[in-house]
């Protein structure tokens, strides 16, 4: 993903001596510690998201159709492992991508998920060391990185011949976090629709969230999500960019018009302002404008879809005497109440109520949802 850069011009008069701002050699280790430890709120999620996103990007870039292989940590092997089958990396590329901050191969276009040059180093935000195997040009090369005080140190450890290609990253996981990693991998696959792209070798350990979407289309979805990062937020808003969820901080400048959680599918070509941790969207003026546009498009599209759905049902109005004939005198009052409720709600959507009775009329009102032969999503009632 392209990283937006800002610049400004300054009018200077007289004799000037300029120095480009930089980081001293003494401060370099502190900066690495800051990038490693301090920018991530959810360190386990940083590891899962960044390592899996890198593998997805590599497969996408090189047209690899073989699934990425993931091994969840367990008693048998206490490592979180991600294996891609792209081209792998040379020694120079491994050292720069995995062990050098702000070095990225993905910051010049929007075809990839990453781009800051920080995420590949995220395993050290969680663990004291991690391992990389690169299968490249007929050779398998092994590397390790560990924390040494404030600094991080990388080592090249071994070389063997191989016919395979790709990268495997292995991160040691504390036994108390095994279940959390299983849930986080499940979230990544579920919300990114990566079921066909990622294969979990010990799938019996995987925990996939059960989200119930009332409206879902190419512009977004709304309903009850089970993401671990919902927290205490009421009706949170998430932006989904290439399948990765970015939570929007609490704000009154972007309103969720639905009763439930809202996930907006965002266009990566819009160059979104994303926090360097990639845990959330920034509340920049540009982001706020684009998000409000995305909300409006999703609402308009959802109402349009619902109108089309209702019109296809082709219901006809029957008089109460016919309903009485079919349903019996004791049921008429119930039907009349249902009709009035339908009229009130559909009227808000700008629709005419068309009701059919063929033998029996089935109208049921349950917790603000209208059921006839089709369902009107309750989340649209607030929008309308």
Protein backbone atom coordinates (compact mmCIF):
# COMPACT_ATOMS: atom_id res chain seq x y z
CA UNK A 1 0.00 0.00 0.00
CA UNK A 2 1.29 3.46 -0.85
CA UNK A 3 2.38 5.52 2.12
CA UNK A 4 1.29 9.16 1.91
CA UNK A 5 4.08 11.72 2.31
CA UNK A 6 3.66 15.36 3.27
CA UNK A 7 5.89 18.29 2.37
CA UNK A 8 5.86 22.04 2.85
CA UNK A 9 7.78 24.94 1.34
CA UNK A 10 9.53 27.60 3.43
CA UNK A 11 10.62 31.05 2.29
CA UNK A 12 14.07 31.76 3.75
CA UNK A 13 16.07 34.98 3.58
CA UNK A 14 19.71 35.64 4.46
CA UNK A 15 22.51 33.22 5.20
CA UNK A 16 21.17 29.83 6.28
CA UNK A 17 22.77 26.65 7.56
CA UNK A 18 20.55 23.57 7.24
CA UNK A 19 20.77 20.13 8.79
CA UNK A 20 18.50 17.25 7.83
CA UNK A 21 16.73 15.81 10.86
CA UNK A 22 17.92 12.29 11.64
CA UNK A 23 18.39 9.80 14.46
CA UNK A 24 21.72 9.58 16.26
CA UNK A 25 23.55 6.29 16.52
CA UNK A 26 22.94 6.36 20.27
CA UNK A 27 19.22 6.85 19.74
CA UNK A 28 18.85 4.18 17.07
CA UNK A 29 18.39 1.35 19.57
CA UNK A 30 15.75 3.38 21.44
CA UNK A 31 13.89 4.02 18.21
CA UNK A 32 13.95 0.30 17.39
CA UNK A 33 12.56 -0.48 20.85
CA UNK A 34 9.81 2.09 20.32
CA UNK A 35 8.87 0.60 16.94
CA UNK A 36 9.05 -2.89 18.39
CA UNK A 37 7.26 -2.44 21.71
CA UNK A 38 5.32 0.79 21.93
CA UNK A 39 3.24 1.24 18.78
CA UNK A 40 1.18 -1.96 19.12
CA UNK A 41 -1.79 -2.14 21.49
CA UNK A 42 -2.55 -5.79 20.58
CA UNK A 43 0.83 -7.45 20.12
CA UNK A 44 -0.45 -10.96 19.38
CA UNK A 45 -2.75 -9.53 16.71
CA UNK A 46 0.17 -7.58 15.22
CA UNK A 47 2.11 -10.82 14.77
CA UNK A 48 -0.79 -12.73 13.19
CA UNK A 49 -1.95 -9.87 10.97
CA UNK A 50 1.45 -8.78 9.67
CA UNK A 51 2.92 -12.21 8.99
CA UNK A 52 -0.24 -13.52 7.32
CA UNK A 53 -0.71 -10.28 5.33
CA UNK A 54 2.88 -10.53 4.02
CA UNK A 55 2.22 -14.10 2.86
CA UNK A 56 -1.06 -13.09 1.17
CA UNK A 57 0.72 -10.22 -0.58
CA UNK A 58 3.51 -12.48 -1.87
CA UNK A 59 1.05 -15.02 -3.28
CA UNK A 60 -1.01 -12.25 -4.89
CA UNK A 61 2.04 -10.56 -6.40
CA UNK A 62 3.41 -13.75 -7.96
CA UNK A 63 0.09 -15.41 -8.85
CA UNK A 64 0.56 -18.37 -6.50
CA UNK A 65 -2.59 -20.49 -6.23
CA UNK A 66 -1.32 -23.02 -3.69
CA UNK A 67 -2.79 -22.16 -0.24
CA UNK A 68 -0.63 -20.53 2.41
CA UNK A 69 0.08 -23.05 5.17
CA UNK A 70 -0.45 -22.02 8.79
CA UNK A 71 0.41 -24.08 11.87
CA UNK A 72 -1.22 -22.94 15.10
CA UNK A 73 0.86 -23.18 18.30
CA UNK A 74 0.20 -26.28 20.39
CA UNK A 75 1.79 -28.51 23.01
CA UNK A 76 3.39 -30.51 20.19
CA UNK A 77 4.94 -27.37 18.61
CA UNK A 78 4.76 -24.10 20.52
CA UNK A 79 5.34 -21.95 17.43
CA UNK A 80 3.03 -19.93 15.22
CA UNK A 81 4.20 -20.83 11.70
CA UNK A 82 3.28 -19.25 8.37
CA UNK A 83 4.62 -20.73 5.13
CA UNK A 84 4.12 -19.08 1.74
CA UNK A 85 5.12 -20.57 -1.62
CA UNK A 86 6.12 -17.49 -3.59
CA UNK A 87 9.70 -16.87 -4.79
CA UNK A 88 11.42 -16.46 -1.42
CA UNK A 89 14.05 -13.79 -0.75
CA UNK A 90 17.79 -13.45 -1.16
CA UNK A 91 19.99 -12.96 1.90
CA UNK A 92 20.12 -9.20 1.28
CA UNK A 93 16.33 -8.96 0.97
CA UNK A 94 15.72 -11.06 4.10
CA UNK A 95 17.98 -8.80 6.16
CA UNK A 96 16.34 -5.64 4.82
CA UNK A 97 12.69 -6.75 4.90
CA UNK A 98 12.68 -8.65 8.21
CA UNK A 99 15.44 -6.94 10.15
CA UNK A 100 15.61 -3.31 8.91
CA UNK A 101 12.90 -0.82 9.84
CA UNK A 102 11.14 1.25 7.15
CA UNK A 103 12.44 -1.06 4.44
CA UNK A 104 9.50 -2.33 2.40
CA UNK A 105 8.89 -3.79 -1.04
CA UNK A 106 5.22 -2.67 -0.95
CA UNK A 107 5.17 1.12 -0.53
CA UNK A 108 4.88 2.13 -4.18
CA UNK A 109 1.43 0.77 -5.07
CA UNK A 110 -1.92 -0.20 -3.54
CA UNK A 111 -1.91 -3.82 -4.68
CA UNK A 112 -0.52 -5.00 -1.33
CA UNK A 113 -1.72 -4.83 2.27
CA UNK A 114 1.45 -3.51 3.96
CA UNK A 115 3.86 -0.74 3.09
CA UNK A 116 5.23 0.97 6.22
CA UNK A 117 8.30 -1.25 6.53
CA UNK A 118 7.46 -2.05 10.17
CA UNK A 119 5.13 -5.07 10.19
CA UNK A 120 7.59 -7.80 9.20
CA UNK A 121 9.50 -7.06 12.41
CA UNK A 122 6.34 -7.34 14.57
CA UNK A 123 7.20 -10.80 16.02
CA UNK A 124 9.70 -9.06 18.32
CA UNK A 125 6.82 -7.01 19.76
CA UNK A 126 5.57 -10.29 21.26
CA UNK A 127 8.50 -12.72 21.52
CA UNK A 128 12.18 -12.38 22.36
CA UNK A 129 13.13 -14.02 19.06
CA UNK A 130 11.69 -15.33 15.81
CA UNK A 131 12.93 -17.40 12.86
CA UNK A 132 12.81 -17.02 9.07
CA UNK A 133 13.51 -19.71 6.47
CA UNK A 134 13.89 -18.49 2.89
CA UNK A 135 13.61 -20.94 -0.02
CA UNK A 136 15.16 -19.06 -2.92
CA UNK A 137 17.15 -19.94 -6.06
CA UNK A 138 17.63 -23.58 -5.06
CA UNK A 139 18.79 -22.78 -1.53
CA UNK A 140 17.15 -22.82 1.90
CA UNK A 141 18.66 -20.19 4.17
CA UNK A 142 17.79 -19.93 7.87
CA UNK A 143 17.82 -16.77 9.97
CA UNK A 144 17.03 -15.78 13.54
CA UNK A 145 16.43 -12.45 15.22
CA UNK A 146 16.55 -11.80 18.95
CA UNK A 147 16.36 -8.88 21.38
CA UNK A 148 19.66 -7.74 22.88
CA UNK A 149 18.89 -4.98 25.36
CA UNK A 150 17.08 -2.24 23.45
CA UNK A 151 18.54 -3.46 20.16
CA UNK A 152 17.38 -6.27 17.88
CA UNK A 153 20.04 -8.53 16.35
CA UNK A 154 19.69 -10.75 13.25
CA UNK A 155 21.73 -13.87 12.44
CA UNK A 156 22.16 -16.00 9.32
CA UNK A 157 22.44 -19.58 10.57
CA UNK A 158 22.50 -22.19 7.81
CA UNK A 159 22.29 -23.06 4.13
CA UNK A 160 20.99 -26.23 2.43
CA UNK A 161 19.96 -27.14 -1.12
CA UNK A 162 16.24 -27.26 -1.97
CA UNK A 163 13.88 -27.29 -4.93
CA UNK A 164 11.17 -25.42 -3.03
CA UNK A 165 10.46 -21.70 -2.96
CA UNK A 166 8.90 -19.29 -0.48
CA UNK A 167 9.25 -18.02 3.09
CA UNK A 168 8.43 -19.58 6.45
CA UNK A 169 8.21 -17.44 9.58
CA UNK A 170 8.11 -19.11 13.00
CA UNK A 171 7.31 -17.26 16.23
CA UNK A 172 7.52 -18.97 19.66
CA UNK A 173 4.24 -18.60 21.59
CA UNK A 174 3.59 -18.80 25.34
CA UNK A 175 1.35 -21.75 26.22
CA UNK A 176 -1.20 -19.41 27.80
CA UNK A 177 -1.65 -17.67 24.43
CA UNK A 178 -2.31 -20.74 22.25
CA UNK A 179 -6.09 -20.17 22.24
CA UNK A 180 -5.71 -16.45 21.54
CA UNK A 181 -3.61 -17.15 18.43
CA UNK A 182 -6.22 -19.69 17.27
CA UNK A 183 -8.93 -17.02 17.58
CA UNK A 184 -6.85 -14.34 15.86
CA UNK A 185 -6.06 -16.54 12.87
CA UNK A 186 -9.78 -17.37 12.69
CA UNK A 187 -10.60 -13.64 12.62
CA UNK A 188 -8.07 -12.95 9.86
CA UNK A 189 -9.49 -15.73 7.68
CA UNK A 190 -13.16 -14.94 8.47
CA UNK A 191 -13.18 -11.18 7.93
CA UNK A 192 -10.81 -11.32 4.96
CA UNK A 193 -12.69 -14.19 3.25
CA UNK A 194 -9.39 -16.07 2.99
CA UNK A 195 -10.89 -19.55 3.42
CA UNK A 196 -9.54 -20.65 0.03
CA UNK A 197 -6.23 -18.78 0.36
CA UNK A 198 -5.08 -20.03 3.78
CA UNK A 199 -4.94 -23.65 4.95
CA UNK A 200 -4.50 -24.39 8.67
CA UNK A 201 -2.68 -27.69 9.13
CA UNK A 202 -4.06 -28.32 12.65
CA UNK A 203 -7.51 -27.00 11.75
CA UNK A 204 -9.14 -28.64 14.77
CA UNK A 205 -7.56 -25.89 16.92
CA UNK A 206 -8.88 -23.01 14.78
CA UNK A 207 -11.60 -20.82 16.33
CA UNK A 208 -13.68 -18.92 13.78
CA UNK A 209 -15.98 -16.09 14.92
CA UNK A 210 -19.71 -16.40 14.18
CA UNK A 211 -20.87 -13.06 12.85
CA UNK A 212 -24.53 -12.56 11.89
CA UNK A 213 -24.87 -10.05 9.07
CA UNK A 214 -28.31 -8.65 8.32
CA UNK A 215 -27.17 -6.75 5.25
CA UNK A 216 -24.11 -7.72 3.20
CA UNK A 217 -23.06 -6.45 -0.21
CA UNK A 218 -19.97 -5.31 -2.09
CA UNK A 219 -19.92 -1.97 -0.23
CA UNK A 220 -20.04 -3.34 3.31
CA UNK A 221 -22.07 -5.23 5.87
CA UNK A 222 -23.92 -4.58 9.12
CA UNK A 223 -25.04 -6.89 11.87
CA UNK A 224 -23.55 -8.47 14.98
CA UNK A 225 -19.81 -9.08 14.62
CA UNK A 226 -17.76 -11.23 16.97
CA UNK A 227 -14.40 -9.55 16.47
CA UNK A 228 -12.14 -9.56 19.53
CA UNK A 229 -11.45 -5.85 18.96
CA UNK A 230 -15.00 -4.65 19.29
CA UNK A 231 -14.33 -4.05 22.99
CA UNK A 232 -16.97 -2.02 24.83
CA UNK A 233 -17.83 0.01 21.74
CA UNK A 234 -21.51 0.34 20.92
CA UNK A 235 -22.16 -0.04 17.19
CA UNK A 236 -18.50 0.37 16.17
CA UNK A 237 -17.41 1.24 12.64
CA UNK A 238 -14.68 -0.76 10.91
CA UNK A 239 -13.02 -0.13 7.58
CA UNK A 240 -12.04 -3.21 5.59
CA UNK A 241 -9.09 -2.69 3.23
CA UNK A 242 -8.13 -5.80 1.28
CA UNK A 243 -9.79 -7.92 3.97
CA UNK A 244 -7.99 -6.33 6.95
CA UNK A 245 -10.25 -4.68 9.56
CA UNK A 246 -9.28 -1.22 10.81
CA UNK A 247 -11.34 0.11 13.67
CA UNK A 248 -12.40 3.76 13.58
CA UNK A 249 -11.78 5.54 16.92
CA UNK A 250 -14.87 6.84 18.71
CA UNK A 251 -15.96 10.07 17.01
CA UNK A 252 -19.08 12.11 16.34
CA UNK A 253 -17.78 13.11 12.91
CA UNK A 254 -18.67 9.77 11.32
CA UNK A 255 -22.06 8.37 12.36
CA UNK A 256 -23.13 4.75 12.21
CA UNK A 257 -26.77 5.00 11.01
CA UNK A 258 -27.52 1.36 11.82
CA UNK A 259 -28.51 -0.31 15.06
CA UNK A 260 -25.60 -2.75 14.75
CA UNK A 261 -21.89 -2.94 13.94
CA UNK A 262 -20.87 -1.54 10.57
CA UNK A 263 -18.06 -2.79 8.31
CA UNK A 264 -17.35 -0.64 5.26
CA UNK A 265 -15.40 -2.05 2.31
CA UNK A 266 -12.89 0.70 1.50
CA UNK A 267 -11.06 1.24 -1.77
CA UNK A 268 -7.27 0.93 -1.24
CA UNK A 269 -6.73 3.34 -4.13
CA UNK A 270 -8.00 6.15 -1.89
CA UNK A 271 -4.67 6.18 0.02
CA UNK A 272 -6.16 5.99 3.50
CA UNK A 273 -4.37 7.50 6.49
CA UNK A 274 -3.64 4.46 8.65
CA UNK A 275 -1.88 4.42 12.00
CA UNK A 276 1.65 2.95 11.67
CA UNK A 277 0.56 0.04 13.87
CA UNK A 278 -2.15 -0.67 11.26
CA UNK A 279 -4.59 -1.27 14.13
CA UNK A 280 -6.89 1.63 13.26
CA UNK A 281 -7.74 4.37 10.80
CA UNK A 282 -6.56 7.89 11.60
CA UNK A 283 -9.17 10.58 12.25
CA UNK A 284 -7.76 12.87 9.57
CA UNK A 285 -10.06 15.30 7.73
CA UNK A 286 -9.54 13.35 4.54
CA UNK A 287 -10.43 10.02 6.16
CA UNK A 288 -13.55 11.50 7.77
CA UNK A 289 -14.74 12.86 4.42
CA UNK A 290 -14.13 9.55 2.64
CA UNK A 291 -15.77 7.53 5.43
CA UNK A 292 -18.92 9.65 5.40
CA UNK A 293 -19.10 9.15 1.63
CA UNK A 294 -18.68 5.39 2.11
CA UNK A 295 -21.46 5.29 4.74
CA UNK A 296 -23.86 7.18 2.43
CA UNK A 297 -23.12 4.89 -0.52
CA UNK A 298 -23.67 1.78 1.60
CA UNK A 299 -26.96 3.11 3.03
CA UNK A 300 -28.29 4.14 -0.41
CA UNK A 301 -27.29 0.82 -1.92
CA UNK A 302 -28.86 -1.16 0.96
CA UNK A 303 -32.18 0.68 0.71
CA UNK A 304 -32.19 0.25 -3.06
CA UNK A 305 -31.59 -3.49 -2.69
CA UNK A 306 -34.39 -3.79 -0.12
CA UNK A 307 -36.84 -1.93 -2.36
CA UNK A 308 -36.01 -4.24 -5.23
CA UNK A 309 -36.39 -7.28 -2.99
CA UNK A 310 -39.83 -6.17 -1.79
CA UNK A 311 -41.08 -5.25 -5.25
CA UNK A 312 -40.24 -8.73 -6.55
CA UNK A 313 -42.47 -10.31 -3.91
CA UNK A 314 -45.52 -8.92 -5.81
CA UNK A 315 -47.94 -9.03 -2.88
CA UNK A 316 -51.57 -7.99 -3.35
CA UNK A 317 -54.03 -6.40 -0.93
CA UNK A 318 -56.99 -8.51 0.03
CA UNK A 319 -59.95 -7.06 1.92
CA UNK A 320 -60.62 -8.00 5.50
CA UNK A 321 -63.63 -10.11 4.60
CA UNK A 322 -61.40 -12.41 2.55
CA UNK A 323 -58.89 -12.54 5.41
CA UNK A 324 -61.74 -13.35 7.75
CA UNK A 325 -62.82 -16.16 5.47
CA UNK A 326 -59.35 -17.69 5.38
CA UNK A 327 -58.20 -17.02 8.92
CA UNK A 328 -61.33 -16.93 11.02
CA UNK A 329 -62.87 -14.07 12.95
CA UNK A 330 -60.55 -14.37 15.99
CA UNK A 331 -57.44 -13.78 13.85
CA UNK A 332 -58.56 -10.65 12.00
CA UNK A 333 -57.50 -8.20 14.67
CA UNK A 334 -53.99 -9.69 14.69
CA UNK A 335 -53.74 -9.32 10.92
CA UNK A 336 -54.93 -5.70 11.06
CA UNK A 337 -52.23 -4.83 13.60
CA UNK A 338 -49.60 -6.56 11.46
CA UNK A 339 -50.78 -4.68 8.36
CA UNK A 340 -50.55 -1.31 10.14
CA UNK A 341 -47.06 -2.11 11.42
CA UNK A 342 -45.94 -3.12 7.95
CA UNK A 343 -47.41 0.06 6.49
CA UNK A 344 -45.65 2.26 9.03
CA UNK A 345 -42.25 0.68 8.45
CA UNK A 346 -42.44 0.25 4.70
CA UNK A 347 -43.76 3.81 4.44
CA UNK A 348 -40.49 5.02 5.89
CA UNK A 349 -38.72 3.22 3.08
CA UNK A 350 -40.96 5.00 0.58
CA UNK A 351 -42.77 1.82 -0.40
CA UNK A 352 -46.43 0.90 -0.74
CA UNK A 353 -47.57 -2.04 1.35
CA UNK A 354 -48.64 -4.92 -0.86
CA UNK A 355 -49.97 -7.91 1.02
CA UNK A 356 -51.03 -11.22 -0.43
CA UNK A 357 -53.23 -13.94 1.00
CA UNK A 358 -53.23 -17.27 -0.73
CA UNK A 359 -55.04 -19.80 1.45
CA UNK A 360 -53.44 -18.34 4.57
CA UNK A 361 -51.56 -15.13 5.20
CA UNK A 362 -48.35 -15.58 7.16
CA UNK A 363 -47.34 -12.39 8.91
CA UNK A 364 -45.19 -12.55 11.98
CA UNK A 365 -43.71 -9.67 13.96
CA UNK A 366 -40.69 -10.57 16.05
CA UNK A 367 -38.40 -8.01 17.72
CA UNK A 368 -38.76 -5.28 15.13
CA UNK A 369 -38.24 -7.62 12.19
CA UNK A 370 -40.98 -8.09 9.60
CA UNK A 371 -41.37 -11.52 8.06
CA UNK A 372 -43.64 -12.23 5.12
CA UNK A 373 -42.20 -14.43 2.41
CA UNK A 374 -39.05 -12.28 2.65
CA UNK A 375 -37.30 -10.58 5.54
CA UNK A 376 -36.85 -6.83 5.87
CA UNK A 377 -33.60 -6.42 7.85
CA UNK A 378 -34.29 -4.70 11.18
CA UNK A 379 -31.08 -2.68 10.84
CA UNK A 380 -32.69 -0.76 7.96
CA UNK A 381 -35.48 0.51 10.19
CA UNK A 382 -33.24 3.10 11.86
CA UNK A 383 -31.79 4.23 8.52
CA UNK A 384 -35.24 4.69 7.03
